[in-house]
Amino acid sequence: MIVVTGAAGFIGSNVVAALNARGRPDIVAVDSFRHTAKDTRYLHELRIHDTVDKDRLARWLDEEGASVEAIIHQGACSDTTLRDRNYVIAVNTDYTRMLWQWCTRAGKPLVYASSAATYGDGLQGYDDRADPRMLKPLNLYGESKQLFDLWALDQVHTPPRWAGLKYFNVYGPREAHKGRMASVAFHAYQQIRESGRVTLFTSYQKEYADGGQRRDFVYVGDAVEATLHLLETPVSAQAPNGLYNVGTGQARTFADLAGAVFAAVGRDPVIEYIPMPEDLRDRYQYFTQARIDKLRHSGFTRPFRSIEEGVRHYVAYLRAQESSEG
């Protein structure tokens, strides 16, 4: 069996779907099922063996872990605006450490979600081979991921295969539940349906025009394929344990992304620029672009979708969802 945490969420549910497509229904889906009215809409579409609440996973692993082949850890608090340090560190850092220690004792692979948020303002670049101790995340979410990455790199005893994946701006199916934290592609589609226009943030840096802020937008299907590649690829000099960027290697503007959504729905672009919320202004990444040499060197040769192609796939999915619900 394969344990997938965050299985009812965005990337986690897409990981489960990709495993199903590989003929793997033997999945233990882990998420916050016990304390909240967790939205499990995505799991209803998928084949799994069992569900386990995240707070019971440690005990479950001690009791049932002999049947586990690997853990894919996607569960996290991904809200970049939260300021409750104790909560975010407990969920994003300490919980991952627990899984690491279990995988180390049991001799099982661990692939976990880090984040491009660890790179902060990008002044140190976006190179997953560079010394991560020089990075300065802009928010608590990025800091919590950075703390675990640094801890993992210092460990003498490790899982036999481990990889921390620095996902860049992931967008695509099964993210509707994220609300404010859903991708710009998702919000652009909803805004076009409701008003025929898209709102983007004004720029507060003179180097970037309004809408000219640039990010490495990666389609979730491509991010998942990179994730499973690193799980399935044996450790070698070409594919060592460690941190890996997961992005396209190509930065595009938010205006480009909005234009791709307009094109996918067959409308002319109408973009309005609005002030950025004050709680984001000093913690906003104006530019991200993954260096993906390390991922490519590991043997991942699959092309990444352009935003035009990825958005077309995504809009087709969203329209199909609307048809099935309406």
Protein backbone atom coordinates (compact mmCIF):
# COMPACT_ATOMS: atom_id res chain seq x y z
CA MET A 1 0.00 0.00 0.00
CA ILE A 2 0.98 3.61 -0.57
CA VAL A 3 0.11 6.24 2.03
CA VAL A 4 -0.87 9.63 0.59
CA THR A 5 -1.36 12.47 3.06
CA GLY A 6 -3.41 15.49 2.08
CA ALA A 7 -5.32 13.02 -0.10
CA ALA A 8 -8.56 15.02 0.02
CA GLY A 9 -6.73 18.17 -1.05
CA PHE A 10 -5.34 19.59 -4.27
CA ILE A 11 -2.05 17.92 -5.21
CA GLY A 12 -2.77 14.95 -2.94
CA SER A 13 -6.01 14.01 -4.70
CA ASN A 14 -4.26 14.33 -8.06
CA VAL A 15 -1.52 12.00 -6.80
CA VAL A 16 -4.20 9.46 -5.89
CA ALA A 17 -5.76 9.84 -9.35
CA ALA A 18 -2.39 9.27 -11.04
CA LEU A 19 -1.74 6.18 -8.91
CA ASN A 20 -5.18 4.86 -9.86
CA ALA A 21 -4.27 5.40 -13.51
CA ARG A 22 -1.19 3.26 -12.90
CA GLY A 23 -3.44 0.46 -11.62
CA ARG A 24 -2.91 1.25 -7.92
CA PRO A 25 -6.12 1.33 -5.85
CA ASP A 26 -4.23 0.15 -2.74
CA ILE A 27 -3.94 3.64 -1.28
CA VAL A 28 -4.42 4.80 2.28
CA ALA A 29 -5.83 8.32 2.08
CA VAL A 30 -4.84 10.51 5.02
CA ASP A 31 -6.38 13.89 5.78
CA SER A 32 -8.19 15.88 8.49
CA PHE A 33 -11.31 13.76 8.58
CA ARG A 34 -12.00 13.69 12.33
CA HIS A 35 -12.15 17.26 13.62
CA THR A 36 -13.64 19.12 10.66
CA ALA A 37 -16.36 18.67 8.11
CA LYS A 38 -13.70 17.80 5.56
CA ASP A 39 -14.71 18.17 1.95
CA THR A 40 -14.11 14.71 0.49
CA ARG A 41 -15.64 15.38 -2.93
CA TYR A 42 -12.46 14.39 -4.76
CA LEU A 43 -12.04 11.07 -2.97
CA HIS A 44 -15.50 9.98 -4.09
CA GLU A 45 -14.17 9.96 -7.66
CA LEU A 46 -11.16 7.81 -6.79
CA ARG A 47 -10.31 4.27 -5.73
CA ILE A 48 -8.70 3.88 -2.32
CA HIS A 49 -8.20 1.08 0.18
CA ASP A 50 -8.90 3.04 3.36
CA THR A 51 -8.97 6.47 4.99
CA VAL A 52 -7.08 7.48 8.14
CA ASP A 53 -7.38 10.75 10.02
CA LYS A 54 -4.06 12.58 10.10
CA ASP A 55 -4.07 12.68 13.91
CA ARG A 56 -4.29 8.89 14.02
CA LEU A 57 -1.66 8.19 11.39
CA ALA A 58 1.27 7.69 13.76
CA ARG A 59 -0.60 4.95 15.64
CA TRP A 60 -1.88 3.44 12.39
CA LEU A 61 1.67 3.23 11.03
CA ASP A 62 2.85 1.47 14.18
CA GLU A 63 0.03 -1.05 13.88
CA GLU A 64 -0.34 -1.48 10.10
CA GLY A 65 2.93 -0.15 8.70
CA ALA A 66 4.30 -3.51 7.57
CA SER A 67 2.05 -3.31 4.52
CA VAL A 68 3.19 0.21 3.54
CA GLU A 69 5.47 0.57 0.52
CA ALA A 70 6.00 4.32 0.66
CA ILE A 71 4.61 7.62 1.94
CA ILE A 72 3.79 10.57 -0.31
CA HIS A 73 3.31 13.50 2.06
CA GLN A 74 1.19 16.29 0.59
CA GLY A 75 -0.68 17.31 3.74
CA ALA A 76 0.09 20.82 4.98
CA CYS A 77 -1.27 24.17 6.04
CA SER A 78 -0.65 26.07 2.79
CA ASP A 79 -2.24 29.40 3.74
CA THR A 80 0.56 31.91 3.20
CA THR A 81 -1.22 34.58 5.26
CA LEU A 82 -1.44 32.71 8.59
CA ARG A 83 0.55 34.10 11.52
CA ASP A 84 -0.07 31.39 14.15
CA ARG A 85 3.51 30.16 14.34
CA ASN A 86 2.92 27.28 16.73
CA TYR A 87 0.15 25.84 14.56
CA VAL A 88 1.96 26.17 11.25
CA ILE A 89 5.22 24.69 12.58
CA ALA A 90 3.35 21.81 14.21
CA VAL A 91 1.48 20.95 11.00
CA ASN A 92 4.18 21.62 8.41
CA THR A 93 7.45 20.88 10.20
CA ASP A 94 6.90 18.62 13.20
CA TYR A 95 4.40 16.34 11.46
CA THR A 96 6.76 15.82 8.53
CA ARG A 97 9.54 15.01 10.98
CA MET A 98 7.35 12.28 12.48
CA LEU A 99 6.82 10.73 9.06
CA TRP A 100 10.54 10.96 8.28
CA GLN A 101 11.46 9.18 11.49
CA TRP A 102 8.95 6.40 10.84
CA CYS A 103 10.16 5.91 7.25
CA THR A 104 13.75 5.84 8.47
CA ARG A 105 13.00 3.14 11.06
CA ALA A 106 10.86 1.13 8.65
CA GLY A 107 13.14 1.53 5.64
CA LYS A 108 10.38 3.05 3.46
CA PRO A 109 10.65 5.84 0.86
CA LEU A 110 9.32 9.31 1.67
CA VAL A 111 8.49 11.97 -0.90
CA TYR A 112 7.20 15.18 0.66
CA ALA A 113 5.99 18.59 -0.46
CA SER A 114 8.36 21.45 0.18
CA SER A 115 7.67 24.74 -1.62
CA ALA A 116 9.13 27.42 -3.84
CA ALA A 117 8.05 29.77 -1.02
CA THR A 118 11.34 28.78 0.65
CA TYR A 119 13.18 30.92 -1.94
CA GLY A 120 11.72 34.14 -0.57
CA ASP A 121 12.30 37.20 -2.74
CA GLY A 122 14.53 35.22 -5.10
CA LEU A 123 17.67 37.27 -4.53
CA GLN A 124 19.54 34.00 -3.91
CA GLY A 125 18.13 32.49 -7.10
CA TYR A 126 15.90 29.42 -7.56
CA ASP A 127 18.55 26.73 -7.70
CA ASP A 128 17.86 23.46 -5.86
CA ARG A 129 21.58 22.63 -5.88
CA ALA A 130 22.58 25.80 -4.03
CA ASP A 131 23.02 26.01 -0.25
CA PRO A 132 19.46 26.37 1.13
CA ARG A 133 20.75 27.88 4.38
CA MET A 134 21.09 31.20 2.52
CA LEU A 135 17.37 31.39 1.73
CA LYS A 136 15.03 33.81 3.51
CA PRO A 137 11.33 32.93 3.08
CA LEU A 138 8.88 35.82 3.06
CA ASN A 139 6.12 34.15 5.07
CA LEU A 140 5.54 31.64 7.84
CA TYR A 141 4.43 28.95 5.40
CA GLY A 142 7.74 29.17 3.51
CA GLU A 143 9.67 29.29 6.77
CA SER A 144 7.97 26.13 8.05
CA LYS A 145 8.95 24.28 4.87
CA GLN A 146 12.47 25.67 5.03
CA LEU A 147 12.92 24.53 8.62
CA PHE A 148 12.12 20.95 7.67
CA ASP A 149 14.29 21.00 4.54
CA LEU A 150 17.30 22.13 6.56
CA TRP A 151 16.61 19.55 9.27
CA ALA A 152 16.34 16.78 6.66
CA LEU A 153 19.62 17.72 5.00
CA ASP A 154 21.38 17.50 8.38
CA GLN A 155 20.20 13.96 9.13
CA VAL A 156 22.63 11.05 9.14
CA HIS A 157 19.86 8.45 9.29
CA THR A 158 17.37 8.84 6.46
CA PRO A 159 14.71 6.96 4.55
CA PRO A 160 16.26 4.82 1.78
CA ARG A 161 14.75 7.16 -0.81
CA TRP A 162 13.66 10.67 0.08
CA ALA A 163 12.89 13.78 -1.91
CA GLY A 164 11.58 17.18 -0.87
CA LEU A 165 9.72 18.77 -3.77
CA LYS A 166 9.81 22.53 -4.14
CA TYR A 167 6.58 23.02 -6.04
CA PHE A 168 6.27 26.33 -7.86
CA ASN A 169 2.86 27.84 -8.80
CA VAL A 170 0.73 24.75 -9.28
CA TYR A 171 -2.71 25.07 -10.87
CA GLY A 172 -5.29 22.65 -12.20
CA PRO A 173 -8.15 20.29 -11.33
CA ARG A 174 -9.35 19.65 -7.77
CA GLU A 175 -8.36 22.98 -6.19
CA ALA A 176 -11.79 24.62 -5.86
CA HIS A 177 -11.89 23.97 -2.09
CA LYS A 178 -8.84 26.19 -1.48
CA GLY A 179 -10.82 29.42 -1.64
CA ARG A 180 -8.54 32.45 -1.52
CA MET A 181 -5.48 30.20 -1.85
CA ALA A 182 -6.65 28.64 -5.13
CA SER A 183 -4.65 29.54 -8.22
CA VAL A 184 -5.08 32.68 -10.28
CA ALA A 185 -6.15 30.42 -13.16
CA PHE A 186 -9.08 29.15 -11.09
CA HIS A 187 -10.12 32.62 -9.91
CA ALA A 188 -9.76 34.06 -13.42
CA TYR A 189 -12.13 31.45 -14.81
CA GLN A 190 -14.71 32.13 -12.11
CA GLN A 191 -14.46 35.89 -12.61
CA ILE A 192 -14.91 35.60 -16.37
CA ARG A 193 -18.04 33.50 -15.85
CA GLU A 194 -19.47 36.02 -13.39
CA SER A 195 -18.42 39.38 -14.81
CA GLY A 196 -16.57 38.89 -18.09
CA ARG A 197 -13.41 40.42 -16.65
CA VAL A 198 -10.40 39.40 -14.54
CA THR A 199 -8.84 41.35 -11.68
CA LEU A 200 -5.10 41.22 -11.09
CA PHE A 201 -2.95 42.93 -8.49
CA THR A 202 -1.31 46.27 -9.14
CA SER A 203 2.48 46.12 -9.02
CA TYR A 204 4.29 47.90 -6.18
CA GLN A 205 7.74 47.45 -7.70
CA LYS A 206 8.78 49.73 -10.52
CA GLU A 207 10.59 46.91 -12.33
CA TYR A 208 7.25 45.20 -12.98
CA ALA A 209 4.26 46.62 -14.82
CA ASP A 210 0.78 45.87 -13.50
CA GLY A 211 0.14 42.25 -14.45
CA GLY A 212 3.82 41.88 -15.31
CA GLN A 213 4.71 40.01 -12.14
CA ARG A 214 6.15 36.68 -13.31
CA ARG A 215 5.77 33.20 -11.88
CA ASP A 216 6.65 29.66 -12.88
CA PHE A 217 3.14 28.25 -13.41
CA VAL A 218 3.10 24.43 -13.48
CA TYR A 219 0.10 22.28 -14.35
CA VAL A 220 -0.79 19.87 -11.54
CA GLY A 221 -0.65 16.81 -13.79
CA ASP A 222 2.98 17.59 -14.62
CA ALA A 223 3.82 18.24 -10.96
CA VAL A 224 2.32 14.86 -10.02
CA GLU A 225 4.29 13.03 -12.73
CA ALA A 226 7.51 14.57 -11.39
CA THR A 227 6.50 13.49 -7.87
CA LEU A 228 5.91 9.88 -8.86
CA HIS A 229 9.07 9.85 -10.96
CA LEU A 230 11.17 10.67 -7.90
CA LEU A 231 9.35 8.06 -5.84
CA GLU A 232 9.86 5.35 -8.46
CA THR A 233 13.44 6.18 -9.54
CA PRO A 234 16.16 4.32 -7.62
CA VAL A 235 18.71 6.43 -5.77
CA SER A 236 21.83 7.01 -7.89
CA ALA A 237 24.44 9.64 -8.61
CA GLN A 238 22.06 11.02 -11.24
CA ALA A 239 19.00 10.86 -8.95
CA PRO A 240 20.25 11.42 -5.39
CA ASN A 241 18.16 11.94 -2.30
CA GLY A 242 17.53 15.60 -1.58
CA LEU A 243 15.58 18.67 -2.65
CA TYR A 244 14.14 19.06 -6.15
CA ASN A 245 12.47 21.98 -7.88
CA VAL A 246 9.18 21.13 -9.57
CA GLY A 247 8.39 23.84 -12.10
CA THR A 248 8.56 24.37 -15.84
CA GLY A 249 11.75 26.42 -15.84
CA GLN A 250 9.88 29.21 -17.62
CA ALA A 251 8.43 32.29 -15.90
CA ARG A 252 5.30 33.86 -17.40
CA THR A 253 3.35 36.95 -16.39
CA PHE A 254 0.01 36.96 -14.63
CA ALA A 255 -1.32 38.88 -17.63
CA ASP A 256 -0.20 35.96 -19.82
CA LEU A 257 -2.06 33.54 -17.55
CA ALA A 258 -5.23 35.62 -17.59
CA GLY A 259 -4.98 35.88 -21.37
CA ALA A 260 -4.71 32.10 -21.62
CA VAL A 261 -7.93 31.71 -19.61
CA PHE A 262 -9.74 34.23 -21.81
CA ALA A 263 -8.52 32.36 -24.91
CA ALA A 264 -9.66 29.03 -23.49
CA VAL A 265 -13.20 30.35 -22.94
CA GLY A 266 -13.26 32.16 -26.30
CA ARG A 267 -13.41 35.75 -25.05
CA ASP A 268 -11.33 38.87 -25.59
CA PRO A 269 -9.23 39.83 -22.55
CA VAL A 270 -10.65 42.42 -20.14
CA ILE A 271 -8.28 42.90 -17.19
CA GLU A 272 -8.73 45.30 -14.26
CA TYR A 273 -5.92 46.02 -11.79
CA ILE A 274 -6.72 46.32 -8.11
CA PRO A 275 -4.64 47.14 -5.00
CA MET A 276 -2.84 44.24 -3.40
CA PRO A 277 -4.06 43.43 0.15
CA GLU A 278 -1.77 45.00 2.71
CA ASP A 279 -1.12 41.65 4.40
CA LEU A 280 0.53 40.42 1.17
CA ARG A 281 2.56 43.43 0.06
CA ASP A 282 5.70 42.73 2.08
CA ARG A 283 5.50 38.96 1.53
CA TYR A 284 4.82 38.76 -2.20
CA GLN A 285 7.08 37.04 -4.73
CA TYR A 286 7.28 39.16 -7.89
CA PHE A 287 9.33 36.63 -9.82
CA THR A 288 9.87 32.88 -9.60
CA GLN A 289 11.48 30.54 -12.11
CA ALA A 290 12.59 27.05 -11.24
CA ARG A 291 15.98 25.80 -12.27
CA ILE A 292 15.14 22.21 -13.24
CA ASP A 293 18.53 20.80 -14.30
CA LYS A 294 18.58 18.50 -11.27
CA LEU A 295 15.12 17.10 -12.02
CA ARG A 296 16.04 16.58 -15.67
CA HIS A 297 19.33 14.96 -14.72
CA SER A 298 17.40 12.47 -12.57
CA GLY A 299 15.76 11.15 -15.73
CA PHE A 300 12.53 13.14 -15.83
CA THR A 301 12.28 13.92 -19.54
CA ARG A 302 8.54 14.56 -19.81
CA PRO A 303 7.78 18.01 -21.34
CA PHE A 304 5.94 20.48 -19.12
CA ARG A 305 2.76 21.98 -20.51
CA SER A 306 2.81 25.65 -21.48
CA ILE A 307 0.25 27.77 -19.64
CA GLU A 308 -1.78 27.90 -22.84
CA GLU A 309 -2.00 24.10 -23.01
CA GLY A 310 -2.41 23.62 -19.29
CA VAL A 311 -5.16 26.21 -19.04
CA ARG A 312 -7.04 24.62 -21.97
CA HIS A 313 -7.00 21.28 -20.12
CA TYR A 314 -8.08 22.99 -16.90
CA VAL A 315 -10.94 24.96 -18.42
CA ALA A 316 -12.21 21.80 -20.12
CA TYR A 317 -12.18 20.09 -16.70
CA LEU A 318 -14.02 22.98 -15.03
CA ARG A 319 -16.67 23.04 -17.72
CA ALA A 320 -17.15 19.28 -17.45
CA GLN A 321 -17.58 19.65 -13.69
CA GLU A 322 -20.21 22.32 -14.20
CA SER A 323 -22.09 20.10 -16.66
CA SER A 324 -22.08 17.15 -14.28
CA GLU A 325 -23.31 19.30 -11.39
CA GLY A 326 -25.93 21.18 -13.36
